[in-house]
Every structure is written in C-alpha cells, then in structure tokens.
Amino acid sequence: MKNPLQLTINIVLALAVAGLYFLHFNQKPVAPAIATDKSTAVLASPELNTADTTAAAAPAEANAPVAETTPEASAAPASAAAAGNEGKIVYVESGKMLDGYQGMKDARRAFEAKARGWENQNQKLIANFRAAVEAYQKQAPTLTPEQRAATEQKLQAQQQESGQAQQKIQAQAQEEEAKLTQTVLESVNKKVEAYGKAHGYKLILIAAPSGTIAYGQKDLDITTPVLAYLNAEYRKK
C-alpha cells in the first residue's frame, strides 16, 4: 500500500506549491490602453508589481535625470504654459510613474497584508494534510488491509478538498488584486486627464516595456511633473 500513499503525498505537495499565492503575485498583467476623450488620451499600465521603470524601446537619453518639479509647481498649471503646449503630444513612463505614486504604494501594502493571510491559510492546509499522513504511517502496521484502504480513501478525499481550497484562495487573491489595481488606475487616469487638459496637451501616451512607444524625445517626457501632481493630489485626501 506504499505506492498509493506516496502518490497522495506527492499530489498534495505539488498542489500546495502550484497554489501558492505568491506565484500569482509576482505576475505582471497588462491592461489595455484607456482613452479619455477626443482631445486628451490617457494610458495606464496596471501592474501592482511594476518592476520596470523605463520604456522598453525608449532612447538611451530617456534615462537621463529630469529636473525635479515640486508638487506645487506641477499642481498649479499656468495659462501661458497651457497655451504653449496646445496640441502637443507627450508621454509618461508607466513604471516610473506607478512605482513613485503613493496611491500605488499604499495599495501594494494593503494587498501584501492580505496576501500574508492567504499564505497562512495555504500553509495550514499543507500542515493538516501532512499531519494526517504521518498519523496514518504510524498506525499502518497495526491496521488491517480494510482499515488501511479506508484510511487511504479518507486521505485522498482530504487531499482533494485541500486542492479545492487552495484554488479558492488563489481565485480570491486574483480577484482582490484586480480590484485594487483597477481602483488605483481609475484614479490615476482621471488625474492625468485633468493634468493634460489643464496644461493644454493634445495627447498623453504611455511608455511601457510592452513597446507602446518606439521612440520619444526627452523633452516630451512629462513623467516627473505628472508624478509630482499625482502625489500632491493624493495627499489632499
């Protein structure tokens, strides 16, 4: 009866590893661009785990430091500047913007706190099944063939229940991540739209590792002032 039991142990441990939430947490989903209206288009990349902070195909000079802009200066557009930007097409770097946005940082922290709870649930499922298997192994020599068969059936049923519970935890994590991400991105898009209109830009594009922008002059990169504006607006809450 050793092989069926060993198979049961291997199956549940494989499910435990596959179901670990953090495998999902380290993925980087990509969402479609979001257009705001005919005069201003805002695009955002919705990674709660944005690791890349520059556009994949942006020119080398795009990584040069940008003069820092204070939140106050960014949040208070001048009519003269808006007139000068009339019809201008610019871009922002999604990774740099989202990584630096305080609203995204807070969302990540909230998500990670929940993730620790889900991981604890997952570990309990593994520990409970392992304990049941170890108990069976100790009792097996004293059990009749019928008793061993009945116990192994119970272990297999417990393994299936554990696998279903792990899938439920993973689905819950994915749903919660999507909610937090969508909430943050909706807020970012509204703020960037307001910034674009106030400064007279015709279009604001997103520079992301997916290669939305193949090339962009550095003077068209408004990531720094936009980020300052986003954080200034977020602090007003």
C-alpha atoms as a PDB file:
ATOM      1  CA  MET A   1       0.000   0.000   0.000  1.00  0.00           C
ATOM      2  CA  LYS A   2       3.042   2.204  -0.010  1.00  0.00           C
ATOM      3  CA  ASN A   3       2.837   3.479  -3.580  1.00  0.00           C
ATOM      4  CA  PRO A   4      -0.767   4.875  -3.449  1.00  0.00           C
ATOM      5  CA  LEU A   5       0.086   6.718  -0.242  1.00  0.00           C
ATOM      6  CA  GLN A   6       3.283   8.148  -1.663  1.00  0.00           C
ATOM      7  CA  LEU A   7       1.332   9.251  -4.743  1.00  0.00           C
ATOM      8  CA  THR A   8      -1.173  11.019  -2.490  1.00  0.00           C
ATOM      9  CA  ILE A   9       1.610  12.862  -0.678  1.00  0.00           C
ATOM     10  CA  ASN A  10       3.267  13.905  -3.930  1.00  0.00           C
ATOM     11  CA  ILE A  11      -0.017  15.165  -5.392  1.00  0.00           C
ATOM     12  CA  VAL A  12      -0.933  17.364  -2.449  1.00  0.00           C
ATOM     13  CA  LEU A  13       2.534  18.837  -2.134  1.00  0.00           C
ATOM     14  CA  ALA A  14       2.539  19.625  -5.845  1.00  0.00           C
ATOM     15  CA  LEU A  15      -0.833  21.332  -5.476  1.00  0.00           C
ATOM     16  CA  ALA A  16       0.442  23.248  -2.483  1.00  0.00           C
ATOM     17  CA  VAL A  17       3.379  24.603  -4.422  1.00  0.00           C
ATOM     18  CA  ALA A  18       1.308  25.353  -7.507  1.00  0.00           C
ATOM     19  CA  GLY A  19      -1.391  27.039  -5.457  1.00  0.00           C
ATOM     20  CA  LEU A  20       0.874  29.357  -3.551  1.00  0.00           C
ATOM     21  CA  TYR A  21      -0.467  32.830  -3.976  1.00  0.00           C
ATOM     22  CA  PHE A  22       2.929  34.446  -4.409  1.00  0.00           C
ATOM     23  CA  LEU A  23       3.364  32.795  -7.788  1.00  0.00           C
ATOM     24  CA  HIS A  24       0.401  34.837  -8.928  1.00  0.00           C
ATOM     25  CA  PHE A  25       1.517  37.926  -7.008  1.00  0.00           C
ATOM     26  CA  ASN A  26       4.761  38.106  -8.992  1.00  0.00           C
ATOM     27  CA  GLN A  27       2.990  38.057 -12.370  1.00  0.00           C
ATOM     28  CA  LYS A  28       2.580  41.302 -14.317  1.00  0.00           C
ATOM     29  CA  PRO A  29      -0.753  41.586 -16.063  1.00  0.00           C
ATOM     30  CA  VAL A  30      -1.071  44.051 -18.878  1.00  0.00           C
ATOM     31  CA  ALA A  31      -4.260  46.028 -19.352  1.00  0.00           C
ATOM     32  CA  PRO A  32      -5.477  47.781 -22.484  1.00  0.00           C
ATOM     33  CA  ALA A  33      -4.977  51.475 -23.049  1.00  0.00           C
ATOM     34  CA  ILE A  34      -7.666  53.792 -21.757  1.00  0.00           C
ATOM     35  CA  ALA A  35      -8.729  56.755 -23.883  1.00  0.00           C
ATOM     36  CA  THR A  36     -10.363  59.624 -22.073  1.00  0.00           C
ATOM     37  CA  ASP A  37     -11.848  61.819 -24.813  1.00  0.00           C
ATOM     38  CA  LYS A  38     -11.144  63.228 -28.267  1.00  0.00           C
ATOM     39  CA  SER A  39      -8.740  65.885 -27.036  1.00  0.00           C
ATOM     40  CA  THR A  40      -6.835  64.030 -24.319  1.00  0.00           C
ATOM     41  CA  ALA A  41      -5.932  60.351 -24.212  1.00  0.00           C
ATOM     42  CA  VAL A  42      -4.545  58.793 -21.047  1.00  0.00           C
ATOM     43  CA  LEU A  43      -2.984  55.368 -20.962  1.00  0.00           C
ATOM     44  CA  ALA A  44      -2.021  53.404 -17.898  1.00  0.00           C
ATOM     45  CA  SER A  45      -0.336  50.085 -17.198  1.00  0.00           C
ATOM     46  CA  PRO A  46      -1.969  48.292 -14.270  1.00  0.00           C
ATOM     47  CA  GLU A  47       0.756  46.327 -12.526  1.00  0.00           C
ATOM     48  CA  LEU A  48       0.598  46.174  -8.778  1.00  0.00           C
ATOM     49  CA  ASN A  49       4.089  44.732  -9.119  1.00  0.00           C
ATOM     50  CA  THR A  50       5.553  47.070 -11.678  1.00  0.00           C
ATOM     51  CA  ALA A  51       9.261  46.319 -11.712  1.00  0.00           C
ATOM     52  CA  ASP A  52      10.328  48.010 -14.911  1.00  0.00           C
ATOM     53  CA  THR A  53      10.660  51.760 -14.674  1.00  0.00           C
ATOM     54  CA  THR A  54      11.538  52.705 -18.220  1.00  0.00           C
ATOM     55  CA  ALA A  55      10.108  52.183 -21.687  1.00  0.00           C
ATOM     56  CA  ALA A  56      11.468  49.115 -23.421  1.00  0.00           C
ATOM     57  CA  ALA A  57      12.335  50.881 -26.659  1.00  0.00           C
ATOM     58  CA  ALA A  58      12.895  54.415 -25.387  1.00  0.00           C
ATOM     59  CA  PRO A  59      16.177  56.058 -26.462  1.00  0.00           C
ATOM     60  CA  ALA A  60      19.220  55.969 -24.210  1.00  0.00           C
ATOM     61  CA  GLU A  61      18.850  59.627 -23.368  1.00  0.00           C
ATOM     62  CA  ALA A  62      15.412  58.915 -21.973  1.00  0.00           C
ATOM     63  CA  ASN A  63      17.109  57.549 -18.855  1.00  0.00           C
ATOM     64  CA  ALA A  64      18.886  60.830 -18.161  1.00  0.00           C
ATOM     65  CA  PRO A  65      17.825  62.566 -14.908  1.00  0.00           C
ATOM     66  CA  VAL A  66      14.988  65.031 -15.216  1.00  0.00           C
ATOM     67  CA  ALA A  67      14.936  68.322 -13.379  1.00  0.00           C
ATOM     68  CA  GLU A  68      12.814  67.854 -10.270  1.00  0.00           C
ATOM     69  CA  THR A  69       9.472  69.576 -10.262  1.00  0.00           C
ATOM     70  CA  THR A  70       7.768  70.411  -6.976  1.00  0.00           C
ATOM     71  CA  PRO A  71       4.177  69.238  -6.436  1.00  0.00           C
ATOM     72  CA  GLU A  72       3.055  72.824  -6.044  1.00  0.00           C
ATOM     73  CA  ALA A  73       4.509  73.836  -9.385  1.00  0.00           C
ATOM     74  CA  SER A  74       3.001  70.813 -11.113  1.00  0.00           C
ATOM     75  CA  ALA A  75      -0.393  71.114  -9.484  1.00  0.00           C
ATOM     76  CA  ALA A  76      -0.842  74.746 -10.437  1.00  0.00           C
ATOM     77  CA  PRO A  77      -0.763  74.999 -14.247  1.00  0.00           C
ATOM     78  CA  ALA A  78      -0.113  78.392 -15.749  1.00  0.00           C
ATOM     79  CA  SER A  79      -2.298  79.603 -18.572  1.00  0.00           C
ATOM     80  CA  ALA A  80       0.796  80.662 -20.509  1.00  0.00           C
ATOM     81  CA  ALA A  81       2.243  77.142 -20.271  1.00  0.00           C
ATOM     82  CA  ALA A  82      -1.078  75.629 -21.313  1.00  0.00           C
ATOM     83  CA  ALA A  83      -1.164  77.868 -24.352  1.00  0.00           C
ATOM     84  CA  GLY A  84       2.383  76.873 -25.250  1.00  0.00           C
ATOM     85  CA  ASN A  85       1.508  73.177 -25.011  1.00  0.00           C
ATOM     86  CA  GLU A  86      -1.625  73.469 -27.159  1.00  0.00           C
ATOM     87  CA  GLY A  87      -1.812  70.445 -29.458  1.00  0.00           C
ATOM     88  CA  LYS A  88       1.418  68.949 -28.097  1.00  0.00           C
ATOM     89  CA  ILE A  89       1.778  65.172 -27.795  1.00  0.00           C
ATOM     90  CA  VAL A  90       3.777  63.947 -24.785  1.00  0.00           C
ATOM     91  CA  TYR A  91       4.320  60.728 -22.874  1.00  0.00           C
ATOM     92  CA  VAL A  92       4.894  59.322 -19.391  1.00  0.00           C
ATOM     93  CA  GLU A  93       6.832  56.240 -18.289  1.00  0.00           C
ATOM     94  CA  SER A  94       4.354  53.867 -16.670  1.00  0.00           C
ATOM     95  CA  GLY A  95       6.819  52.031 -14.428  1.00  0.00           C
ATOM     96  CA  LYS A  96       8.380  55.189 -13.043  1.00  0.00           C
ATOM     97  CA  MET A  97       5.014  56.849 -12.581  1.00  0.00           C
ATOM     98  CA  LEU A  98       3.271  53.921 -10.864  1.00  0.00           C
ATOM     99  CA  ASP A  99       6.264  52.997  -8.708  1.00  0.00           C
ATOM    100  CA  GLY A 100       6.512  56.568  -7.469  1.00  0.00           C
ATOM    101  CA  TYR A 101       2.782  57.123  -6.971  1.00  0.00           C
ATOM    102  CA  GLN A 102       1.912  56.985  -3.278  1.00  0.00           C
ATOM    103  CA  GLY A 103      -1.551  55.630  -4.019  1.00  0.00           C
ATOM    104  CA  MET A 104       0.003  52.598  -5.701  1.00  0.00           C
ATOM    105  CA  LYS A 105       2.427  52.094  -2.820  1.00  0.00           C
ATOM    106  CA  ASP A 106      -0.445  52.098  -0.327  1.00  0.00           C
ATOM    107  CA  ALA A 107      -2.425  49.669  -2.486  1.00  0.00           C
ATOM    108  CA  ARG A 108       0.534  47.311  -2.641  1.00  0.00           C
ATOM    109  CA  ARG A 109       0.952  47.362   1.129  1.00  0.00           C
ATOM    110  CA  ALA A 110      -2.742  46.615   1.635  1.00  0.00           C
ATOM    111  CA  PHE A 111      -2.545  43.776  -0.861  1.00  0.00           C
ATOM    112  CA  GLU A 112       0.573  42.277   0.712  1.00  0.00           C
ATOM    113  CA  ALA A 113      -1.100  42.282   4.135  1.00  0.00           C
ATOM    114  CA  LYS A 114      -3.995  40.261   2.729  1.00  0.00           C
ATOM    115  CA  ALA A 115      -1.569  38.006   0.873  1.00  0.00           C
ATOM    116  CA  ARG A 116       0.089  37.033   4.143  1.00  0.00           C
ATOM    117  CA  GLY A 117      -3.287  35.907   5.450  1.00  0.00           C
ATOM    118  CA  TRP A 118      -3.915  33.804   2.338  1.00  0.00           C
ATOM    119  CA  GLU A 119      -0.460  32.263   2.608  1.00  0.00           C
ATOM    120  CA  ASN A 120      -1.174  31.319   6.230  1.00  0.00           C
ATOM    121  CA  GLN A 121      -4.371  29.568   5.127  1.00  0.00           C
ATOM    122  CA  ASN A 122      -2.427  27.700   2.481  1.00  0.00           C
ATOM    123  CA  GLN A 123       0.218  26.594   4.956  1.00  0.00           C
ATOM    124  CA  LYS A 124      -2.446  25.309   7.348  1.00  0.00           C
ATOM    125  CA  LEU A 125      -3.916  23.165   4.581  1.00  0.00           C
ATOM    126  CA  ILE A 126      -0.493  21.652   3.914  1.00  0.00           C
ATOM    127  CA  ALA A 127       0.250  21.130   7.624  1.00  0.00           C
ATOM    128  CA  ASN A 128      -3.108  19.461   8.293  1.00  0.00           C
ATOM    129  CA  PHE A 129      -2.708  17.012   5.434  1.00  0.00           C
ATOM    130  CA  ARG A 130       0.887  16.232   6.357  1.00  0.00           C
ATOM    131  CA  ALA A 131      -0.154  15.524   9.942  1.00  0.00           C
ATOM    132  CA  ALA A 132      -2.900  13.184   8.739  1.00  0.00           C
ATOM    133  CA  VAL A 133      -0.436  11.296   6.542  1.00  0.00           C
ATOM    134  CA  GLU A 134       2.117  10.976   9.349  1.00  0.00           C
ATOM    135  CA  ALA A 135      -0.558   9.674  11.707  1.00  0.00           C
ATOM    136  CA  TYR A 136      -1.577   7.080   9.155  1.00  0.00           C
ATOM    137  CA  GLN A 137       2.022   5.979   8.627  1.00  0.00           C
ATOM    138  CA  LYS A 138       2.420   5.354  12.363  1.00  0.00           C
ATOM    139  CA  GLN A 139      -0.824   3.377  12.581  1.00  0.00           C
ATOM    140  CA  ALA A 140      -0.491   1.460   9.304  1.00  0.00           C
ATOM    141  CA  PRO A 141       1.455  -1.547  10.719  1.00  0.00           C
ATOM    142  CA  THR A 142      -1.350  -2.247  13.219  1.00  0.00           C
ATOM    143  CA  LEU A 143      -4.228  -1.800  10.787  1.00  0.00           C
ATOM    144  CA  THR A 144      -5.992  -4.483   8.798  1.00  0.00           C
ATOM    145  CA  PRO A 145      -5.980  -4.247   4.992  1.00  0.00           C
ATOM    146  CA  GLU A 146      -9.561  -2.998   5.130  1.00  0.00           C
ATOM    147  CA  GLN A 147      -8.675  -0.310   7.671  1.00  0.00           C
ATOM    148  CA  ARG A 148      -5.682   0.816   5.612  1.00  0.00           C
ATOM    149  CA  ALA A 149      -7.812   1.048   2.491  1.00  0.00           C
ATOM    150  CA  ALA A 150     -10.476   3.086   4.309  1.00  0.00           C
ATOM    151  CA  THR A 151      -7.877   5.443   5.796  1.00  0.00           C
ATOM    152  CA  GLU A 152      -6.202   5.994   2.438  1.00  0.00           C
ATOM    153  CA  GLN A 153      -9.561   6.860   0.895  1.00  0.00           C
ATOM    154  CA  LYS A 154     -10.051   9.477   3.602  1.00  0.00           C
ATOM    155  CA  LEU A 155      -6.593  10.889   2.907  1.00  0.00           C
ATOM    156  CA  GLN A 156      -7.339  11.110  -0.797  1.00  0.00           C
ATOM    157  CA  ALA A 157     -10.615  12.917  -0.048  1.00  0.00           C
ATOM    158  CA  GLN A 158      -8.741  15.330   2.241  1.00  0.00           C
ATOM    159  CA  GLN A 159      -6.178  15.905  -0.489  1.00  0.00           C
ATOM    160  CA  GLN A 160      -8.910  16.810  -2.966  1.00  0.00           C
ATOM    161  CA  GLU A 161     -10.569  19.160  -0.502  1.00  0.00           C
ATOM    162  CA  SER A 162      -7.218  20.830   0.184  1.00  0.00           C
ATOM    163  CA  GLY A 163      -6.614  21.307  -3.526  1.00  0.00           C
ATOM    164  CA  GLN A 164     -10.040  22.881  -3.978  1.00  0.00           C
ATOM    165  CA  ALA A 165      -9.428  25.175  -1.015  1.00  0.00           C
ATOM    166  CA  GLN A 166      -6.092  26.260  -2.476  1.00  0.00           C
ATOM    167  CA  GLN A 167      -7.726  27.053  -5.810  1.00  0.00           C
ATOM    168  CA  LYS A 168     -10.328  29.121  -3.986  1.00  0.00           C
ATOM    169  CA  ILE A 169      -7.607  31.065  -2.170  1.00  0.00           C
ATOM    170  CA  GLN A 170      -5.809  31.762  -5.433  1.00  0.00           C
ATOM    171  CA  ALA A 171      -9.006  32.920  -7.113  1.00  0.00           C
ATOM    172  CA  GLN A 172      -9.720  35.227  -4.169  1.00  0.00           C
ATOM    173  CA  ALA A 173      -6.208  36.675  -4.418  1.00  0.00           C
ATOM    174  CA  GLN A 174      -6.592  37.304  -8.149  1.00  0.00           C
ATOM    175  CA  GLU A 175      -9.955  38.976  -7.663  1.00  0.00           C
ATOM    176  CA  GLU A 176      -8.659  41.207  -4.890  1.00  0.00           C
ATOM    177  CA  GLU A 177      -5.598  42.188  -6.913  1.00  0.00           C
ATOM    178  CA  ALA A 178      -7.787  43.122  -9.864  1.00  0.00           C
ATOM    179  CA  LYS A 179      -9.983  45.298  -7.626  1.00  0.00           C
ATOM    180  CA  LEU A 180      -7.096  47.169  -6.060  1.00  0.00           C
ATOM    181  CA  THR A 181      -5.379  47.648  -9.387  1.00  0.00           C
ATOM    182  CA  GLN A 182      -8.493  48.907 -11.134  1.00  0.00           C
ATOM    183  CA  THR A 183      -9.261  51.344  -8.333  1.00  0.00           C
ATOM    184  CA  VAL A 184      -5.772  52.846  -8.445  1.00  0.00           C
ATOM    185  CA  LEU A 185      -5.683  53.058 -12.236  1.00  0.00           C
ATOM    186  CA  GLU A 186      -9.068  54.750 -12.451  1.00  0.00           C
ATOM    187  CA  SER A 187      -7.809  57.373 -10.022  1.00  0.00           C
ATOM    188  CA  VAL A 188      -4.530  57.809 -11.934  1.00  0.00           C
ATOM    189  CA  ASN A 189      -6.276  58.134 -15.280  1.00  0.00           C
ATOM    190  CA  LYS A 190      -8.647  60.807 -14.003  1.00  0.00           C
ATOM    191  CA  LYS A 191      -5.798  62.811 -12.501  1.00  0.00           C
ATOM    192  CA  VAL A 192      -3.617  62.522 -15.610  1.00  0.00           C
ATOM    193  CA  GLU A 193      -6.576  63.542 -17.750  1.00  0.00           C
ATOM    194  CA  ALA A 194      -7.088  66.628 -15.585  1.00  0.00           C
ATOM    195  CA  TYR A 195      -3.382  67.410 -15.786  1.00  0.00           C
ATOM    196  CA  GLY A 196      -3.366  67.053 -19.571  1.00  0.00           C
ATOM    197  CA  LYS A 197      -6.371  69.318 -20.057  1.00  0.00           C
ATOM    198  CA  ALA A 198      -5.045  71.942 -17.654  1.00  0.00           C
ATOM    199  CA  HIS A 199      -1.710  72.051 -19.484  1.00  0.00           C
ATOM    200  CA  GLY A 200      -3.175  72.059 -22.977  1.00  0.00           C
ATOM    201  CA  TYR A 201      -1.767  68.721 -24.155  1.00  0.00           C
ATOM    202  CA  LYS A 202      -3.477  67.072 -27.100  1.00  0.00           C
ATOM    203  CA  LEU A 203      -2.373  63.555 -26.211  1.00  0.00           C
ATOM    204  CA  ILE A 204      -0.574  61.830 -23.343  1.00  0.00           C
ATOM    205  CA  LEU A 205       0.893  58.455 -24.278  1.00  0.00           C
ATOM    206  CA  ILE A 206       2.295  55.712 -22.087  1.00  0.00           C
ATOM    207  CA  ALA A 207       5.860  54.408 -22.438  1.00  0.00           C
ATOM    208  CA  ALA A 208       5.865  50.815 -21.198  1.00  0.00           C
ATOM    209  CA  PRO A 209       8.087  47.725 -21.578  1.00  0.00           C
ATOM    210  CA  SER A 210       5.493  46.317 -23.986  1.00  0.00           C
ATOM    211  CA  GLY A 211       6.811  48.816 -26.538  1.00  0.00           C
ATOM    212  CA  THR A 212       3.887  51.211 -26.950  1.00  0.00           C
ATOM    213  CA  ILE A 213       6.372  53.955 -27.861  1.00  0.00           C
ATOM    214  CA  ALA A 214       9.354  53.023 -30.015  1.00  0.00           C
ATOM    215  CA  TYR A 215      10.994  56.431 -29.683  1.00  0.00           C
ATOM    216  CA  GLY A 216      10.346  59.668 -27.852  1.00  0.00           C
ATOM    217  CA  GLN A 217      12.353  62.853 -27.421  1.00  0.00           C
ATOM    218  CA  LYS A 218      13.275  63.536 -23.816  1.00  0.00           C
ATOM    219  CA  ASP A 219      11.592  66.929 -23.833  1.00  0.00           C
ATOM    220  CA  LEU A 220       8.291  65.122 -24.469  1.00  0.00           C
ATOM    221  CA  ASP A 221       8.663  63.039 -21.306  1.00  0.00           C
ATOM    222  CA  ILE A 222       6.489  64.625 -18.604  1.00  0.00           C
ATOM    223  CA  THR A 223       6.690  61.734 -16.112  1.00  0.00           C
ATOM    224  CA  THR A 224       8.315  63.781 -13.352  1.00  0.00           C
ATOM    225  CA  PRO A 225       5.825  66.667 -13.247  1.00  0.00           C
ATOM    226  CA  VAL A 226       2.880  64.298 -13.683  1.00  0.00           C
ATOM    227  CA  LEU A 227       4.107  62.128 -10.793  1.00  0.00           C
ATOM    228  CA  ALA A 228       4.528  65.206  -8.614  1.00  0.00           C
ATOM    229  CA  TYR A 229       0.986  66.248  -9.497  1.00  0.00           C
ATOM    230  CA  LEU A 230      -0.416  62.779  -8.724  1.00  0.00           C
ATOM    231  CA  ASN A 231       1.187  62.664  -5.292  1.00  0.00           C
ATOM    232  CA  ALA A 232       0.135  66.220  -4.497  1.00  0.00           C
ATOM    233  CA  GLU A 233      -3.460  65.367  -5.378  1.00  0.00           C
ATOM    234  CA  TYR A 234      -3.295  62.106  -3.407  1.00  0.00           C
ATOM    235  CA  ARG A 235      -2.095  63.925  -0.282  1.00  0.00           C
ATOM    236  CA  LYS A 236      -5.160  66.148  -0.416  1.00  0.00           C
ATOM    237  CA  LYS A 237      -7.387  63.242   0.621  1.00  0.00           C
END
